[in-house]
Amino acid sequence: MFKDMAEEYMSTGIAEQEISAGVPSWDRTGIYKRIRDLAHSKRPEEIQEYVLKHAEHYMSITGRPGNWAGSSEMLALASAFGRSIEAYGNNWISQDAVYVEKSGTVQPYLNAKVQES
């Protein structure tokens, strides 16, 4: 959820300086690199604190009609409905390219199987 929040805030220009580090909202490549760097450099406690601090505001933004949700929201919905999920394309925050096997098969960037109880 941290990555989705940071992307939303940076791409709309509302991120604090600590998060954006001066990367302009129009620089998608810079935004994705900055978020990957943050996710690797911050301690789990710092990430959790950020998510909890901004959760209500983020949900009010991402819950608007027409706003496409991120991976964290897709995982939450899959869990709520008890359904497995696969997402194809590219999650630019996590990777720079779409993974394609030698056979030409595109692999999902998000693949979560529901554990049967």
N, C-alpha and C. Protein backbone atom coordinates (compact mmCIF):
# COMPACT_ATOMS: atom_id res chain seq x y z
N MET A 1 0.83 -1.19 0.00
CA MET A 1 0.00 0.00 0.00
C MET A 1 0.87 1.26 0.00
N PHE A 2 2.03 1.16 0.63
CA PHE A 2 2.94 2.31 0.67
C PHE A 2 3.29 2.78 -0.74
N LYS A 3 3.63 1.82 -1.62
CA LYS A 3 4.01 2.17 -2.99
C LYS A 3 2.85 2.83 -3.73
N ASP A 4 1.65 2.29 -3.55
CA ASP A 4 0.48 2.86 -4.21
C ASP A 4 0.21 4.28 -3.70
N MET A 5 0.34 4.46 -2.39
CA MET A 5 0.14 5.79 -1.81
C MET A 5 1.16 6.78 -2.35
N ALA A 6 2.41 6.38 -2.30
CA ALA A 6 3.48 7.28 -2.75
C ALA A 6 3.29 7.66 -4.21
N GLU A 7 2.89 6.70 -5.05
CA GLU A 7 2.66 7.01 -6.46
C GLU A 7 1.51 8.01 -6.62
N GLU A 8 0.42 7.77 -5.91
CA GLU A 8 -0.73 8.67 -5.99
C GLU A 8 -0.33 10.08 -5.57
N TYR A 9 0.37 10.19 -4.46
CA TYR A 9 0.75 11.50 -3.95
C TYR A 9 1.78 12.20 -4.83
N MET A 10 2.76 11.45 -5.33
CA MET A 10 3.78 12.07 -6.17
C MET A 10 3.22 12.48 -7.53
N SER A 11 2.38 11.63 -8.12
CA SER A 11 1.85 11.93 -9.46
C SER A 11 0.84 13.07 -9.45
N THR A 12 0.25 13.35 -8.30
CA THR A 12 -0.69 14.47 -8.20
C THR A 12 -0.04 15.71 -7.59
N GLY A 13 1.23 15.59 -7.21
CA GLY A 13 1.97 16.73 -6.68
C GLY A 13 1.67 17.07 -5.24
N ILE A 14 1.08 16.14 -4.47
CA ILE A 14 0.75 16.44 -3.08
C ILE A 14 1.67 15.74 -2.08
N ALA A 15 2.70 15.06 -2.56
CA ALA A 15 3.62 14.35 -1.67
C ALA A 15 4.49 15.34 -0.90
N GLU A 16 4.79 14.99 0.34
CA GLU A 16 5.71 15.80 1.12
C GLU A 16 7.11 15.71 0.50
N GLN A 17 7.93 16.68 0.81
CA GLN A 17 9.30 16.72 0.30
C GLN A 17 10.06 15.44 0.66
N GLU A 18 9.81 14.90 1.84
CA GLU A 18 10.49 13.66 2.27
C GLU A 18 10.23 12.52 1.28
N ILE A 19 9.04 12.46 0.73
CA ILE A 19 8.69 11.41 -0.22
C ILE A 19 9.12 11.78 -1.64
N SER A 20 8.77 12.97 -2.08
CA SER A 20 9.02 13.34 -3.48
C SER A 20 10.47 13.65 -3.78
N ALA A 21 11.20 14.17 -2.81
CA ALA A 21 12.61 14.54 -2.99
C ALA A 21 12.80 15.42 -4.23
N GLY A 22 11.79 16.24 -4.52
CA GLY A 22 11.89 17.16 -5.65
C GLY A 22 11.62 16.56 -7.01
N VAL A 23 11.20 15.29 -7.08
CA VAL A 23 10.86 14.69 -8.37
C VAL A 23 9.54 15.30 -8.84
N PRO A 24 9.50 15.91 -10.02
CA PRO A 24 8.26 16.56 -10.48
C PRO A 24 7.17 15.55 -10.79
N SER A 25 5.92 15.98 -10.65
CA SER A 25 4.78 15.08 -10.84
C SER A 25 4.66 14.56 -12.27
N TRP A 26 5.27 15.22 -13.25
CA TRP A 26 5.20 14.79 -14.64
C TRP A 26 6.29 13.77 -15.00
N ASP A 27 7.26 13.56 -14.12
CA ASP A 27 8.39 12.67 -14.39
C ASP A 27 8.07 11.25 -13.91
N ARG A 28 7.32 10.49 -14.73
CA ARG A 28 6.89 9.15 -14.33
C ARG A 28 8.07 8.23 -14.02
N THR A 29 9.09 8.24 -14.86
CA THR A 29 10.26 7.39 -14.63
C THR A 29 10.92 7.76 -13.31
N GLY A 30 11.05 9.04 -13.05
CA GLY A 30 11.64 9.50 -11.79
C GLY A 30 10.80 9.11 -10.59
N ILE A 31 9.49 9.20 -10.74
CA ILE A 31 8.57 8.80 -9.66
C ILE A 31 8.74 7.33 -9.34
N TYR A 32 8.73 6.48 -10.37
CA TYR A 32 8.84 5.04 -10.13
C TYR A 32 10.18 4.69 -9.50
N LYS A 33 11.25 5.31 -9.95
CA LYS A 33 12.57 5.04 -9.37
C LYS A 33 12.60 5.49 -7.91
N ARG A 34 12.06 6.67 -7.64
CA ARG A 34 12.06 7.20 -6.27
C ARG A 34 11.27 6.27 -5.34
N ILE A 35 10.14 5.78 -5.78
CA ILE A 35 9.33 4.89 -4.94
C ILE A 35 10.04 3.57 -4.69
N ARG A 36 10.67 3.01 -5.71
CA ARG A 36 11.44 1.77 -5.51
C ARG A 36 12.57 2.00 -4.51
N ASP A 37 13.26 3.13 -4.64
CA ASP A 37 14.34 3.46 -3.71
C ASP A 37 13.82 3.60 -2.27
N LEU A 38 12.69 4.30 -2.12
CA LEU A 38 12.10 4.47 -0.79
C LEU A 38 11.70 3.12 -0.18
N ALA A 39 11.08 2.28 -0.98
CA ALA A 39 10.62 0.99 -0.48
C ALA A 39 11.79 0.13 -0.01
N HIS A 40 12.95 0.29 -0.63
CA HIS A 40 14.11 -0.49 -0.22
C HIS A 40 14.89 0.14 0.93
N SER A 41 14.80 1.46 1.08
CA SER A 41 15.61 2.14 2.10
C SER A 41 14.89 2.34 3.43
N LYS A 42 13.58 2.38 3.41
CA LYS A 42 12.84 2.61 4.66
C LYS A 42 12.66 1.32 5.45
N ARG A 43 12.71 1.45 6.75
CA ARG A 43 12.45 0.31 7.63
C ARG A 43 10.96 -0.01 7.60
N PRO A 44 10.57 -1.26 7.83
CA PRO A 44 9.15 -1.62 7.83
C PRO A 44 8.32 -0.75 8.78
N GLU A 45 8.90 -0.37 9.91
CA GLU A 45 8.17 0.47 10.87
C GLU A 45 7.87 1.85 10.29
N GLU A 46 8.82 2.38 9.52
CA GLU A 46 8.61 3.69 8.89
C GLU A 46 7.51 3.62 7.83
N ILE A 47 7.52 2.55 7.06
CA ILE A 47 6.50 2.37 6.03
C ILE A 47 5.13 2.22 6.68
N GLN A 48 5.05 1.42 7.71
CA GLN A 48 3.77 1.24 8.41
C GLN A 48 3.28 2.56 8.99
N GLU A 49 4.16 3.33 9.60
CA GLU A 49 3.78 4.62 10.17
C GLU A 49 3.24 5.56 9.09
N TYR A 50 3.89 5.58 7.93
CA TYR A 50 3.43 6.44 6.83
C TYR A 50 2.06 6.01 6.34
N VAL A 51 1.88 4.70 6.15
CA VAL A 51 0.58 4.19 5.66
C VAL A 51 -0.53 4.52 6.65
N LEU A 52 -0.30 4.29 7.92
CA LEU A 52 -1.33 4.58 8.93
C LEU A 52 -1.62 6.07 9.02
N LYS A 53 -0.60 6.89 8.91
CA LYS A 53 -0.77 8.34 8.99
C LYS A 53 -1.64 8.87 7.84
N HIS A 54 -1.48 8.28 6.65
CA HIS A 54 -2.16 8.80 5.47
C HIS A 54 -3.32 7.94 4.97
N ALA A 55 -3.65 6.89 5.68
CA ALA A 55 -4.65 5.93 5.20
C ALA A 55 -6.00 6.57 4.88
N GLU A 56 -6.52 7.37 5.77
CA GLU A 56 -7.85 7.96 5.55
C GLU A 56 -7.84 8.88 4.32
N HIS A 57 -6.82 9.71 4.21
CA HIS A 57 -6.73 10.61 3.07
C HIS A 57 -6.58 9.84 1.77
N TYR A 58 -5.72 8.83 1.77
CA TYR A 58 -5.49 8.03 0.57
C TYR A 58 -6.77 7.33 0.14
N MET A 59 -7.51 6.75 1.08
CA MET A 59 -8.75 6.06 0.74
C MET A 59 -9.78 7.03 0.18
N SER A 60 -9.79 8.27 0.65
CA SER A 60 -10.74 9.24 0.11
C SER A 60 -10.39 9.59 -1.33
N ILE A 61 -9.12 9.57 -1.68
CA ILE A 61 -8.69 9.85 -3.06
C ILE A 61 -8.93 8.65 -3.95
N THR A 62 -8.45 7.50 -3.53
CA THR A 62 -8.53 6.31 -4.40
C THR A 62 -9.95 5.77 -4.50
N GLY A 63 -10.82 6.17 -3.60
CA GLY A 63 -12.21 5.73 -3.64
C GLY A 63 -13.11 6.54 -4.56
N ARG A 64 -12.55 7.57 -5.19
CA ARG A 64 -13.35 8.41 -6.10
C ARG A 64 -13.67 7.66 -7.38
N PRO A 65 -14.85 7.89 -7.94
CA PRO A 65 -15.16 7.30 -9.25
C PRO A 65 -14.13 7.73 -10.29
N GLY A 66 -13.71 6.79 -11.11
CA GLY A 66 -12.76 7.09 -12.17
C GLY A 66 -11.31 6.96 -11.78
N ASN A 67 -11.02 6.78 -10.50
CA ASN A 67 -9.64 6.62 -10.07
C ASN A 67 -9.31 5.13 -10.02
N TRP A 68 -8.32 4.71 -10.80
CA TRP A 68 -7.95 3.30 -10.87
C TRP A 68 -7.14 2.92 -9.64
N ALA A 69 -7.51 1.84 -9.01
CA ALA A 69 -6.84 1.39 -7.80
C ALA A 69 -5.53 0.68 -8.12
N GLY A 70 -4.70 0.53 -7.11
CA GLY A 70 -3.41 -0.14 -7.27
C GLY A 70 -3.46 -1.59 -6.82
N SER A 71 -2.30 -2.19 -6.77
CA SER A 71 -2.18 -3.60 -6.40
C SER A 71 -2.74 -3.89 -5.02
N SER A 72 -2.51 -3.00 -4.07
CA SER A 72 -3.00 -3.25 -2.71
C SER A 72 -4.52 -3.34 -2.68
N GLU A 73 -5.19 -2.50 -3.44
CA GLU A 73 -6.65 -2.55 -3.48
C GLU A 73 -7.14 -3.81 -4.19
N MET A 74 -6.44 -4.21 -5.25
CA MET A 74 -6.82 -5.44 -5.95
C MET A 74 -6.66 -6.65 -5.03
N LEU A 75 -5.59 -6.67 -4.23
CA LEU A 75 -5.38 -7.78 -3.29
C LEU A 75 -6.46 -7.79 -2.20
N ALA A 76 -6.83 -6.61 -1.73
CA ALA A 76 -7.87 -6.53 -0.70
C ALA A 76 -9.21 -7.05 -1.24
N LEU A 77 -9.55 -6.67 -2.46
CA LEU A 77 -10.79 -7.15 -3.07
C LEU A 77 -10.76 -8.66 -3.29
N ALA A 78 -9.64 -9.17 -3.78
CA ALA A 78 -9.52 -10.62 -3.99
C ALA A 78 -9.71 -11.36 -2.67
N SER A 79 -9.12 -10.84 -1.62
CA SER A 79 -9.27 -11.46 -0.30
C SER A 79 -10.71 -11.39 0.19
N ALA A 80 -11.33 -10.21 0.03
CA ALA A 80 -12.71 -10.03 0.49
C ALA A 80 -13.68 -10.97 -0.23
N PHE A 81 -13.43 -11.21 -1.52
CA PHE A 81 -14.31 -12.08 -2.30
C PHE A 81 -13.86 -13.54 -2.31
N GLY A 82 -12.71 -13.82 -1.65
CA GLY A 82 -12.22 -15.19 -1.62
C GLY A 82 -11.81 -15.70 -2.98
N ARG A 83 -11.29 -14.82 -3.81
CA ARG A 83 -10.93 -15.17 -5.19
C ARG A 83 -9.44 -14.95 -5.41
N SER A 84 -8.84 -15.80 -6.22
CA SER A 84 -7.45 -15.58 -6.63
C SER A 84 -7.44 -14.46 -7.67
N ILE A 85 -6.26 -13.86 -7.87
CA ILE A 85 -6.16 -12.75 -8.81
C ILE A 85 -4.84 -12.81 -9.56
N GLU A 86 -4.88 -12.42 -10.81
CA GLU A 86 -3.69 -12.22 -11.62
C GLU A 86 -3.87 -10.91 -12.36
N ALA A 87 -2.83 -10.09 -12.38
CA ALA A 87 -2.87 -8.83 -13.12
C ALA A 87 -1.72 -8.81 -14.12
N TYR A 88 -2.03 -8.45 -15.34
CA TYR A 88 -1.05 -8.44 -16.41
C TYR A 88 -0.75 -7.02 -16.85
N GLY A 89 0.34 -6.86 -17.51
CA GLY A 89 0.78 -5.55 -17.96
C GLY A 89 2.05 -5.22 -17.24
N ASN A 90 2.14 -4.01 -16.72
CA ASN A 90 3.32 -3.63 -15.97
C ASN A 90 2.94 -2.77 -14.79
N ASN A 91 3.44 -3.15 -13.66
CA ASN A 91 3.33 -2.34 -12.46
C ASN A 91 4.65 -1.59 -12.39
N TRP A 92 4.70 -0.41 -12.97
CA TRP A 92 5.95 0.33 -13.13
C TRP A 92 6.66 0.59 -11.82
N ILE A 93 5.95 0.59 -10.72
CA ILE A 93 6.60 0.82 -9.44
C ILE A 93 7.49 -0.36 -9.07
N SER A 94 7.08 -1.56 -9.42
CA SER A 94 7.83 -2.74 -9.02
C SER A 94 8.87 -3.17 -10.04
N GLN A 95 8.65 -2.87 -11.31
CA GLN A 95 9.55 -3.37 -12.33
C GLN A 95 9.57 -2.43 -13.53
N ASP A 96 10.62 -2.54 -14.31
CA ASP A 96 10.78 -1.65 -15.46
C ASP A 96 10.24 -2.22 -16.76
N ALA A 97 9.89 -3.50 -16.78
CA ALA A 97 9.46 -4.13 -18.03
C ALA A 97 8.48 -5.25 -17.74
N VAL A 98 7.74 -5.63 -18.76
CA VAL A 98 6.83 -6.77 -18.67
C VAL A 98 7.67 -8.04 -18.82
N TYR A 99 7.44 -9.02 -17.94
CA TYR A 99 8.20 -10.27 -18.01
C TYR A 99 7.54 -11.22 -19.00
N VAL A 100 8.30 -11.63 -19.98
CA VAL A 100 7.81 -12.56 -21.00
C VAL A 100 8.73 -13.77 -21.02
N GLU A 101 8.14 -14.97 -20.91
CA GLU A 101 8.94 -16.19 -20.99
C GLU A 101 9.44 -16.39 -22.41
N LYS A 102 10.43 -17.27 -22.56
CA LYS A 102 10.99 -17.55 -23.89
C LYS A 102 9.92 -18.03 -24.86
N SER A 103 8.88 -18.68 -24.35
CA SER A 103 7.80 -19.16 -25.22
C SER A 103 6.92 -18.03 -25.74
N GLY A 104 7.12 -16.82 -25.19
CA GLY A 104 6.30 -15.69 -25.60
C GLY A 104 5.13 -15.42 -24.67
N THR A 105 5.02 -16.21 -23.60
CA THR A 105 3.92 -16.06 -22.65
C THR A 105 4.20 -14.89 -21.70
N VAL A 106 3.29 -13.94 -21.66
CA VAL A 106 3.41 -12.81 -20.73
C VAL A 106 3.06 -13.30 -19.33
N GLN A 107 3.89 -12.97 -18.38
CA GLN A 107 3.68 -13.37 -16.99
C GLN A 107 3.02 -12.23 -16.21
N PRO A 108 2.17 -12.57 -15.24
CA PRO A 108 1.50 -11.53 -14.45
C PRO A 108 2.50 -10.81 -13.53
N TYR A 109 2.26 -9.53 -13.29
CA TYR A 109 3.07 -8.82 -12.31
C TYR A 109 2.50 -8.99 -10.91
N LEU A 110 1.24 -9.43 -10.84
CA LEU A 110 0.59 -9.69 -9.57
C LEU A 110 -0.13 -11.02 -9.68
N ASN A 111 0.19 -11.93 -8.79
CA ASN A 111 -0.41 -13.26 -8.83
C ASN A 111 -0.61 -13.72 -7.38
N ALA A 112 -1.84 -13.71 -6.94
CA ALA A 112 -2.13 -14.09 -5.56
C ALA A 112 -3.19 -15.18 -5.55
N LYS A 113 -2.84 -16.29 -4.98
CA LYS A 113 -3.77 -17.42 -4.86
C LYS A 113 -4.42 -17.38 -3.48
N VAL A 114 -5.70 -17.60 -3.43
CA VAL A 114 -6.42 -17.64 -2.17
C VAL A 114 -6.17 -19.01 -1.54
N GLN A 115 -5.82 -18.99 -0.27
CA GLN A 115 -5.60 -20.22 0.47
C GLN A 115 -6.95 -20.78 0.92
N GLU A 116 -7.24 -22.01 0.55
CA GLU A 116 -8.49 -22.62 0.97
C GLU A 116 -8.35 -23.07 2.43
N SER A 117 -9.40 -22.83 3.20
CA SER A 117 -9.34 -23.19 4.62
C SER A 117 -9.87 -24.57 4.88
